[in-house]
Amino acid sequence: MSFGDYRCRAGQAGLLCVNYAHQSAVRLSAGGVEPFGCLRPVPPPDGVGTAFSC
């Protein structure tokens, strides 16, 4: 699956989405959200549970 700059694939560990342009990725699973690369937690906007940014 792809949208915008993101390329995603589903596996046993969850959904992994990679943004090659920003060299970052995120894994979405039952255990939560796991950021990779330059992503760091930031204050989320209203209505958003978790937010990350480079």
Foldseek 3Di string as FASTA:
>chain_A
DDDDQWDWDQDPQAIKIARPVQGKIWGQDPVGIDIDDPWDWDDDDPPDDTDTDD
